[in-house]
Amino acid sequence: MALSLKGRTVLVIGRGSGIASAVVLAAQSEGANVVVAGRDREALRDAYDDPGIEVEEVDLNDDASIAALAERLGEIDHLVSTASARARGHLAELDRRAVLHSFDTKVVGPIMLAKYFSGRIAEGGSFTLFSGVAAFKPVVGYLGVAATNGAADFLTRSLALEMGPVRVNAISPGVIDTGIWDSLGEEEKKAYFENLRAANPARRIGTVDDISAAVLFAMTNASLTGVTLRVDGGEPLT
C-alpha cells in the first residue's frame, strides 16, 4: 500500500544542500508540508529561501535541543535524519574525538530523536535514517565511517521493533555525486568517478535524486520497516 505525502508534515534534519536538499524538494513536490532543521538556522533559511518550507534549529549532539524541537513541532508524520560527521583516516590517523563525534551525530543523535519524537509521529508515519556503503564494503581509510554506518544499520532494525507501528528504515548510499567530491579537484574527481563507474554493476555514479527517491519510497510504503535500502549501484559486489 502506497501512502500519500499530500498534506503530511515531513521533518528533514540536515544541511541545506546535497542529499538533504533533494529530499526536501522531493517531499515538497509530493505535496508534503516540509520542516527543515539543523544547527545553523540562518544558513538553512538562506539555502531554501521558500516561505512554504519551515526552518527550525536543532543540534543532534544536544538532548535539550532535540527535546525542544519535538516540543515546538508537536505531531509530525515523517522524520528523516541525514546528518553525519565522517571520521575518515587510516587507523594510525584516527582521532578519538572525531570517531565519537561521528557516532554521536549519526547513531546517538537518531536514538535521541526517536526518544523525544516517540508518541509524536502520527499513524502511518515513519523514521528514515542513513547508513552508508562503507558498512557493507570495508575500505582502508574508512574504518570510522564503516563502524558508524554499521551501527546505524543495526540501529534501524532495533528501532523498527521498539517504535512500531511507526516504520523505521535506513538508506545506504554509495558514492553520490555531491559537492563533497569537489575538493579532489576536477581531474582527480573525474578519474575517481570513471573508475567507480567502470567497476560498479550499474555502471553509473549515483545522484541525489536516486537517494531522495529511495527516501520517498521508505516514507510511503506501508509495509516497509526494519530495512536498509542499499542505493549504491552494486558497489559492495565488486
Protein backbone atom coordinates (compact mmCIF):
# COMPACT_ATOMS: atom_id res chain seq x y z
CA MET A 1 0.00 0.00 0.00
CA ALA A 2 1.42 3.36 -1.05
CA LEU A 3 0.76 6.23 1.33
CA SER A 4 0.29 9.81 0.18
CA LEU A 5 2.51 12.61 1.44
CA LYS A 6 -0.03 15.27 0.49
CA GLY A 7 -0.72 17.48 3.49
CA ARG A 8 1.61 15.40 5.68
CA THR A 9 4.34 17.01 7.78
CA VAL A 10 7.85 15.83 6.93
CA LEU A 11 10.76 16.88 9.13
CA VAL A 12 14.16 16.68 7.41
CA ILE A 13 17.27 17.15 9.53
CA GLY A 14 20.48 18.07 7.76
CA ARG A 15 22.19 20.70 5.66
CA GLY A 16 20.66 22.93 3.03
CA SER A 17 22.40 21.14 0.16
CA GLY A 18 23.15 17.73 -1.32
CA ILE A 19 21.02 14.78 -0.24
CA ALA A 20 19.07 16.71 2.41
CA SER A 21 18.03 19.35 -0.11
CA ALA A 22 16.98 16.71 -2.65
CA VAL A 23 14.81 15.00 -0.02
CA VAL A 24 13.21 18.31 0.97
CA LEU A 25 12.35 19.23 -2.61
CA ALA A 26 11.10 15.72 -3.45
CA ALA A 27 8.79 15.64 -0.41
CA GLN A 28 7.54 19.13 -1.20
CA SER A 29 6.80 18.10 -4.80
CA GLU A 30 4.58 15.33 -3.42
CA GLY A 31 2.51 17.86 -1.50
CA ALA A 32 4.11 17.49 1.92
CA ASN A 33 4.46 20.30 4.42
CA VAL A 34 8.22 20.29 4.93
CA VAL A 35 10.14 21.40 8.01
CA VAL A 36 13.94 21.56 7.81
CA ALA A 37 16.16 21.63 10.88
CA GLY A 38 19.87 21.93 11.51
CA ARG A 39 22.45 23.63 13.66
CA ASP A 40 22.67 26.76 11.50
CA ARG A 41 19.14 28.09 11.12
CA GLU A 42 20.14 31.16 9.13
CA ALA A 43 22.15 29.11 6.65
CA LEU A 44 19.14 26.84 6.16
CA ARG A 45 16.87 29.83 5.67
CA ASP A 46 19.21 31.20 3.00
CA ALA A 47 19.57 27.80 1.31
CA TYR A 48 15.87 27.15 0.87
CA ASP A 49 14.52 30.70 0.64
CA ASP A 50 10.95 29.39 0.35
CA PRO A 51 8.13 30.61 2.61
CA GLY A 52 6.49 27.20 2.18
CA ILE A 53 9.39 25.49 3.97
CA GLU A 54 9.51 25.95 7.73
CA VAL A 55 13.01 26.33 9.17
CA GLU A 56 13.96 25.15 12.66
CA GLU A 57 17.15 24.76 14.68
CA VAL A 58 18.41 21.53 16.25
CA ASP A 59 21.73 20.09 17.37
CA LEU A 60 21.78 16.28 17.35
CA ASN A 61 24.63 16.34 19.88
CA ASP A 62 22.42 18.15 22.41
CA ASP A 63 19.46 16.34 24.02
CA ALA A 64 17.87 19.57 25.23
CA SER A 65 17.91 20.91 21.67
CA ILE A 66 16.21 17.76 20.34
CA ALA A 67 13.60 17.79 23.11
CA ALA A 68 12.85 21.47 22.48
CA LEU A 69 12.36 20.84 18.75
CA ALA A 70 9.95 17.99 19.45
CA GLU A 71 8.01 20.20 21.84
CA ARG A 72 7.79 23.05 19.32
CA LEU A 73 6.64 20.89 16.43
CA GLY A 74 4.21 18.62 18.23
CA GLU A 75 2.88 15.87 15.94
CA ILE A 76 4.62 15.11 12.65
CA ASP A 77 4.14 12.36 10.09
CA HIS A 78 7.64 11.56 8.85
CA LEU A 79 11.11 12.16 10.25
CA VAL A 80 14.27 11.97 8.13
CA SER A 81 17.76 12.38 9.57
CA THR A 82 20.53 12.94 7.01
CA ALA A 83 23.03 14.42 9.48
CA SER A 84 26.51 12.92 9.58
CA ALA A 85 30.05 13.61 10.74
CA ARG A 86 32.64 11.46 8.99
CA ALA A 87 35.69 10.15 10.84
CA ARG A 88 37.89 9.39 7.83
CA GLY A 89 41.51 8.28 8.01
CA HIS A 90 43.74 5.26 8.42
CA LEU A 91 43.89 3.60 11.82
CA ALA A 92 47.09 5.40 12.83
CA GLU A 93 45.49 8.75 11.97
CA LEU A 94 42.13 8.29 13.69
CA ASP A 95 41.31 10.72 16.45
CA ARG A 96 39.10 9.53 19.31
CA ARG A 97 37.13 12.77 19.34
CA ALA A 98 36.37 12.51 15.63
CA VAL A 99 35.16 8.92 15.98
CA LEU A 100 32.99 9.77 18.97
CA HIS A 101 31.56 12.79 17.14
CA SER A 102 30.73 10.55 14.17
CA PHE A 103 28.85 8.11 16.42
CA ASP A 104 27.21 10.90 18.39
CA THR A 105 25.83 12.52 15.24
CA LYS A 106 24.76 9.51 13.18
CA VAL A 107 23.89 6.93 15.86
CA VAL A 108 23.27 8.53 19.25
CA GLY A 109 21.56 11.55 17.65
CA PRO A 110 18.93 9.40 15.91
CA ILE A 111 18.41 7.42 19.13
CA MET A 112 17.60 10.66 20.91
CA LEU A 113 15.37 11.76 18.03
CA ALA A 114 13.47 8.51 18.45
CA LYS A 115 13.23 9.09 22.20
CA TYR A 116 11.88 12.62 22.04
CA PHE A 117 9.65 12.17 18.99
CA SER A 118 8.20 8.92 20.29
CA GLY A 119 4.45 9.39 20.53
CA ARG A 120 4.63 12.43 18.23
CA ILE A 121 4.79 10.55 14.92
CA ALA A 122 1.28 10.09 13.52
CA GLU A 123 -0.34 6.83 12.45
CA GLY A 124 1.19 5.65 9.19
CA GLY A 125 4.32 7.66 9.90
CA SER A 126 7.97 6.76 9.55
CA PHE A 127 11.52 7.49 10.64
CA THR A 128 14.26 7.27 7.99
CA LEU A 129 17.93 7.12 8.97
CA PHE A 130 21.10 6.99 6.88
CA SER A 131 23.74 4.29 6.86
CA GLY A 132 26.29 4.07 4.01
CA VAL A 133 28.14 1.76 1.65
CA ALA A 134 31.19 1.56 3.94
CA ALA A 135 29.11 -0.58 6.31
CA PHE A 136 28.91 -3.29 3.64
CA LYS A 137 32.22 -2.86 1.80
CA PRO A 138 35.12 -2.02 4.13
CA VAL A 139 37.82 0.15 2.57
CA VAL A 140 41.15 1.07 4.14
CA GLY A 141 40.95 4.63 5.43
CA TYR A 142 37.24 4.43 6.21
CA LEU A 143 37.27 2.44 9.45
CA GLY A 144 35.49 5.14 11.46
CA VAL A 145 32.92 5.65 8.72
CA ALA A 146 32.29 1.91 8.37
CA ALA A 147 31.82 1.39 12.11
CA THR A 148 29.41 4.33 12.34
CA ASN A 149 27.38 3.23 9.33
CA GLY A 150 27.29 -0.36 10.58
CA ALA A 151 25.91 0.84 13.89
CA ALA A 152 23.27 2.94 12.09
CA ASP A 153 22.28 -0.10 10.06
CA PHE A 154 21.76 -2.22 13.19
CA LEU A 155 20.04 0.66 14.98
CA THR A 156 17.44 0.75 12.21
CA ARG A 157 16.29 -2.80 12.95
CA SER A 158 16.26 -2.24 16.69
CA LEU A 159 14.20 0.94 16.41
CA ALA A 160 11.78 -0.74 14.00
CA LEU A 161 10.95 -3.23 16.77
CA GLU A 162 10.70 -0.68 19.54
CA MET A 163 8.90 2.11 17.68
CA GLY A 164 6.33 0.02 15.79
CA PRO A 165 3.84 0.67 14.28
CA VAL A 166 5.99 3.67 13.28
CA ARG A 167 8.10 2.32 10.42
CA VAL A 168 11.87 2.74 10.68
CA ASN A 169 14.17 2.28 7.70
CA ALA A 170 17.61 3.35 6.56
CA ILE A 171 19.06 4.46 3.25
CA SER A 172 22.60 3.36 2.43
CA PRO A 173 24.04 5.46 -0.41
CA GLY A 174 27.10 4.52 -2.37
CA VAL A 175 29.28 7.22 -3.87
CA ILE A 176 26.92 10.06 -4.78
CA ASP A 177 27.82 13.00 -7.00
CA THR A 178 27.55 15.82 -4.49
CA GLY A 179 29.78 18.78 -3.71
CA ILE A 180 31.83 16.82 -1.17
CA TRP A 181 33.93 15.35 -4.00
CA ASP A 182 34.78 18.74 -5.50
CA SER A 183 37.68 19.07 -3.06
CA LEU A 184 39.52 16.41 -5.11
CA GLY A 185 39.83 18.85 -7.99
CA GLU A 186 38.14 18.46 -11.35
CA GLU A 187 40.60 15.98 -12.91
CA GLU A 188 41.00 13.74 -9.85
CA LYS A 189 37.25 13.69 -9.26
CA LYS A 190 36.64 12.75 -12.89
CA ALA A 191 39.19 9.90 -12.73
CA TYR A 192 37.77 8.63 -9.42
CA PHE A 193 34.23 8.60 -10.79
CA GLU A 194 35.30 6.92 -14.02
CA ASN A 195 37.00 4.09 -12.09
CA LEU A 196 33.93 3.56 -9.93
CA ARG A 197 31.60 3.72 -12.91
CA ALA A 198 33.60 1.07 -14.74
CA ALA A 199 33.61 -1.28 -11.74
CA ASN A 200 30.04 -0.94 -10.46
CA PRO A 201 27.43 -3.35 -11.85
CA ALA A 202 25.11 -0.39 -12.51
CA ARG A 203 27.90 1.34 -14.50
CA ARG A 204 26.95 4.75 -13.15
CA ILE A 205 27.56 7.16 -10.28
CA GLY A 206 24.56 7.77 -8.03
CA THR A 207 22.78 11.11 -7.84
CA VAL A 208 20.97 12.89 -5.05
CA ASP A 209 17.73 12.20 -6.91
CA ASP A 210 18.39 8.44 -6.65
CA ILE A 211 18.62 8.87 -2.89
CA SER A 212 15.60 11.15 -2.50
CA ALA A 213 13.52 8.65 -4.48
CA ALA A 214 14.55 5.93 -2.03
CA VAL A 215 13.59 8.14 0.92
CA LEU A 216 10.16 8.78 -0.61
CA PHE A 217 9.72 5.03 -1.06
CA ALA A 218 10.64 4.41 2.57
CA MET A 219 8.14 7.03 3.73
CA THR A 220 5.25 5.86 1.56
CA ASN A 221 5.47 2.05 1.54
CA ALA A 222 3.17 0.97 4.36
CA SER A 223 4.80 -2.46 4.81
CA LEU A 224 8.45 -1.46 4.72
CA THR A 225 10.17 -1.40 8.10
CA GLY A 226 13.46 -2.53 9.59
CA VAL A 227 15.06 -2.39 6.14
CA THR A 228 18.24 -0.76 4.87
CA LEU A 229 17.79 0.23 1.23
CA ARG A 230 21.21 0.00 -0.42
CA VAL A 231 21.25 2.56 -3.21
CA ASP A 232 24.87 2.02 -4.21
CA GLY A 233 24.97 0.78 -7.79
CA GLY A 234 26.05 -2.64 -6.53
CA GLU A 235 29.39 -1.31 -5.29
CA PRO A 236 29.72 -3.87 -2.44
CA LEU A 237 29.57 -6.69 -5.03
CA THR A 238 32.87 -5.70 -6.61
